[in-house]
Protein backbone atom coordinates (compact mmCIF):
# COMPACT_ATOMS: atom_id res chain seq x y z
CA UNK A 1 -118.24 -31.43 -5.89
CA UNK A 2 -116.07 -29.34 -3.69
CA UNK A 3 -112.12 -29.38 -5.38
CA UNK A 4 -109.71 -31.85 -3.27
CA UNK A 5 -107.16 -29.97 -1.16
CA UNK A 6 -104.12 -29.67 -2.65
CA UNK A 7 -100.78 -31.67 -0.52
CA UNK A 8 -98.81 -28.57 -0.85
CA UNK A 9 -101.17 -26.25 0.83
CA UNK A 10 -101.29 -29.39 4.21
CA UNK A 11 -100.13 -28.35 7.24
CA UNK A 12 -97.04 -29.78 8.78
CA UNK A 13 -98.39 -28.75 11.81
CA UNK A 14 -100.36 -25.69 13.25
CA UNK A 15 -99.41 -25.14 16.99
CA UNK A 16 -100.23 -22.37 19.99
CA UNK A 17 -97.30 -20.05 20.21
CA UNK A 18 -96.62 -19.61 24.14
CA UNK A 19 -99.11 -16.56 24.13
CA UNK A 20 -101.87 -18.30 22.43
CA UNK A 21 -101.65 -17.50 18.71
CA UNK A 22 -102.09 -19.96 16.21
CA UNK A 23 -99.21 -20.58 14.15
CA UNK A 24 -99.05 -22.76 11.28
CA UNK A 25 -96.68 -24.74 8.87
CA UNK A 26 -97.39 -25.68 5.29
CA UNK A 27 -96.13 -28.16 3.22
CA UNK A 28 -95.50 -26.28 0.45
CA UNK A 29 -93.83 -23.76 2.36
CA UNK A 30 -91.39 -26.53 4.16
CA UNK A 31 -90.64 -28.40 1.18
CA UNK A 32 -90.19 -26.07 -1.42
CA UNK A 33 -88.49 -22.94 -0.01
CA UNK A 34 -87.05 -24.02 3.22
CA UNK A 35 -85.74 -27.66 2.69
CA UNK A 36 -85.06 -28.73 -0.87
CA UNK A 37 -82.02 -29.12 -1.80
CA UNK A 38 -82.59 -28.17 -5.28
CA UNK A 39 -85.14 -25.23 -4.93
CA UNK A 40 -85.18 -24.81 -1.00
CA UNK A 41 -83.43 -21.55 0.67
CA UNK A 42 -82.59 -23.69 4.18
CA UNK A 43 -81.70 -27.44 3.11
CA UNK A 44 -79.61 -28.02 6.40
CA UNK A 45 -83.19 -27.64 8.44
CA UNK A 46 -84.45 -30.86 6.79
CA UNK A 47 -85.58 -33.27 9.58
CA UNK A 48 -85.56 -30.39 12.22
CA UNK A 49 -89.48 -30.36 11.90
CA UNK A 50 -89.93 -30.63 15.65
CA UNK A 51 -87.23 -28.02 16.87
CA UNK A 52 -89.31 -25.69 14.52
CA UNK A 53 -92.62 -26.28 16.61
CA UNK A 54 -90.77 -26.34 19.84
CA UNK A 55 -89.53 -22.76 19.15
CA UNK A 56 -93.10 -21.52 18.42
CA UNK A 57 -94.38 -23.12 21.36
CA UNK A 58 -91.43 -22.31 23.74
CA UNK A 59 -89.17 -19.53 22.08
CA UNK A 60 -85.71 -18.25 23.64
CA UNK A 61 -86.84 -14.88 22.39
CA UNK A 62 -89.01 -13.45 20.11
CA UNK A 63 -88.37 -10.49 17.86
CA UNK A 64 -90.14 -7.96 15.78
CA UNK A 65 -88.66 -7.72 12.04
CA UNK A 66 -87.94 -3.97 11.39
CA UNK A 67 -89.08 -3.82 7.90
CA UNK A 68 -93.04 -5.58 8.59
CA UNK A 69 -95.24 -5.01 11.72
CA UNK A 70 -96.72 -8.39 11.26
CA UNK A 71 -93.85 -10.85 11.22
CA UNK A 72 -91.85 -11.66 13.76
CA UNK A 73 -88.81 -13.98 14.80
CA UNK A 74 -89.11 -16.72 17.31
CA UNK A 75 -85.52 -17.68 18.39
CA UNK A 76 -84.20 -21.12 19.48
CA UNK A 77 -81.66 -21.41 22.15
CA UNK A 78 -78.56 -20.09 20.37
CA UNK A 79 -77.15 -23.72 20.72
CA UNK A 80 -80.06 -25.42 18.94
CA UNK A 81 -80.36 -26.13 15.73
CA UNK A 82 -78.15 -27.73 12.43
CA UNK A 83 -75.28 -26.09 13.27
CA UNK A 84 -75.29 -25.33 17.29
CA UNK A 85 -76.16 -22.09 16.50
CA UNK A 86 -80.13 -21.67 17.20
CA UNK A 87 -82.54 -21.22 14.43
CA UNK A 88 -85.27 -18.18 13.48
CA UNK A 89 -88.61 -19.22 12.66
CA UNK A 90 -90.24 -16.20 10.94
CA UNK A 91 -93.60 -16.01 11.10
CA UNK A 92 -96.42 -13.56 9.28
CA UNK A 93 -98.90 -12.47 11.44
CA UNK A 94 -102.56 -11.96 9.92
CA UNK A 95 -102.99 -8.94 11.04
CA UNK A 96 -101.30 -6.20 13.24
CA UNK A 97 -102.16 -6.81 17.13
CA UNK A 98 -100.23 -7.13 20.14
CA UNK A 99 -98.43 -10.53 20.23
CA UNK A 100 -99.06 -10.77 23.35
CA UNK A 101 -102.86 -11.04 23.47
CA UNK A 102 -102.94 -14.47 21.86
CA UNK A 103 -105.83 -13.58 19.32
CA UNK A 104 -103.59 -13.89 16.16
CA UNK A 105 -102.95 -16.33 13.10
CA UNK A 106 -99.60 -16.61 11.68
CA UNK A 107 -98.23 -18.90 9.21
CA UNK A 108 -94.39 -19.67 8.99
CA UNK A 109 -92.75 -17.87 5.82
CA UNK A 110 -89.00 -19.25 6.56
CA UNK A 111 -86.88 -20.92 8.88
CA UNK A 112 -83.21 -20.95 9.12
CA UNK A 113 -80.16 -21.83 10.98
CA UNK A 114 -78.17 -18.53 12.31
CA UNK A 115 -74.99 -17.91 11.39
CA UNK A 116 -72.86 -15.19 13.27
CA UNK A 117 -72.11 -13.28 10.15
CA UNK A 118 -74.40 -13.95 7.93
CA UNK A 119 -77.17 -11.68 6.70
CA UNK A 120 -80.42 -12.32 8.05
CA UNK A 121 -83.56 -10.56 8.92
CA UNK A 122 -83.34 -7.15 10.60
CA UNK A 123 -85.10 -7.72 13.50
CA UNK A 124 -85.59 -5.29 16.44
CA UNK A 125 -85.99 -5.55 20.15
CA UNK A 126 -87.31 -8.66 21.60
CA UNK A 127 -90.80 -8.76 22.81
CA UNK A 128 -90.07 -11.73 25.11
CA UNK A 129 -87.49 -13.29 26.17
CA UNK A 130 -87.02 -16.44 28.30
CA UNK A 131 -86.54 -15.54 31.78
CA UNK A 132 -83.21 -17.01 33.16
CA UNK A 133 -82.93 -19.48 35.62
CA UNK A 134 -81.57 -17.91 39.01
CA UNK A 135 -78.62 -19.34 40.30
CA UNK A 136 -79.07 -20.45 43.92
CA UNK A 137 -75.50 -21.70 44.34
CA UNK A 138 -76.56 -25.53 43.89
């Protein structure tokens, strides 16, 4: 008889990013690592699951982590999030590859609101930036 899946390992969501890579957020990561007020690292993110999902599906920027070539930070608009300073969603891809080909699977390992002077993960030059709207004078 198969062992029932732990609720800790349950998916909060699993969505494609803008390139088609499948990105999953697990319950254990969301609760224990991110939002739990006693043991979580970023309790201010509670209630922002949809922003995390939206940031993966339609990021403002995607930046590689400089210390790990399979991790990427999906960045929201600088005006989003609990503090109105933007959020980063750090995704661990399952292998090294070109993110833009859309053939990778990833797991959210953390998400946090961005504070201007805080120490965050070291990020490189964006591999994607949302195109700026053209000002046509209207």
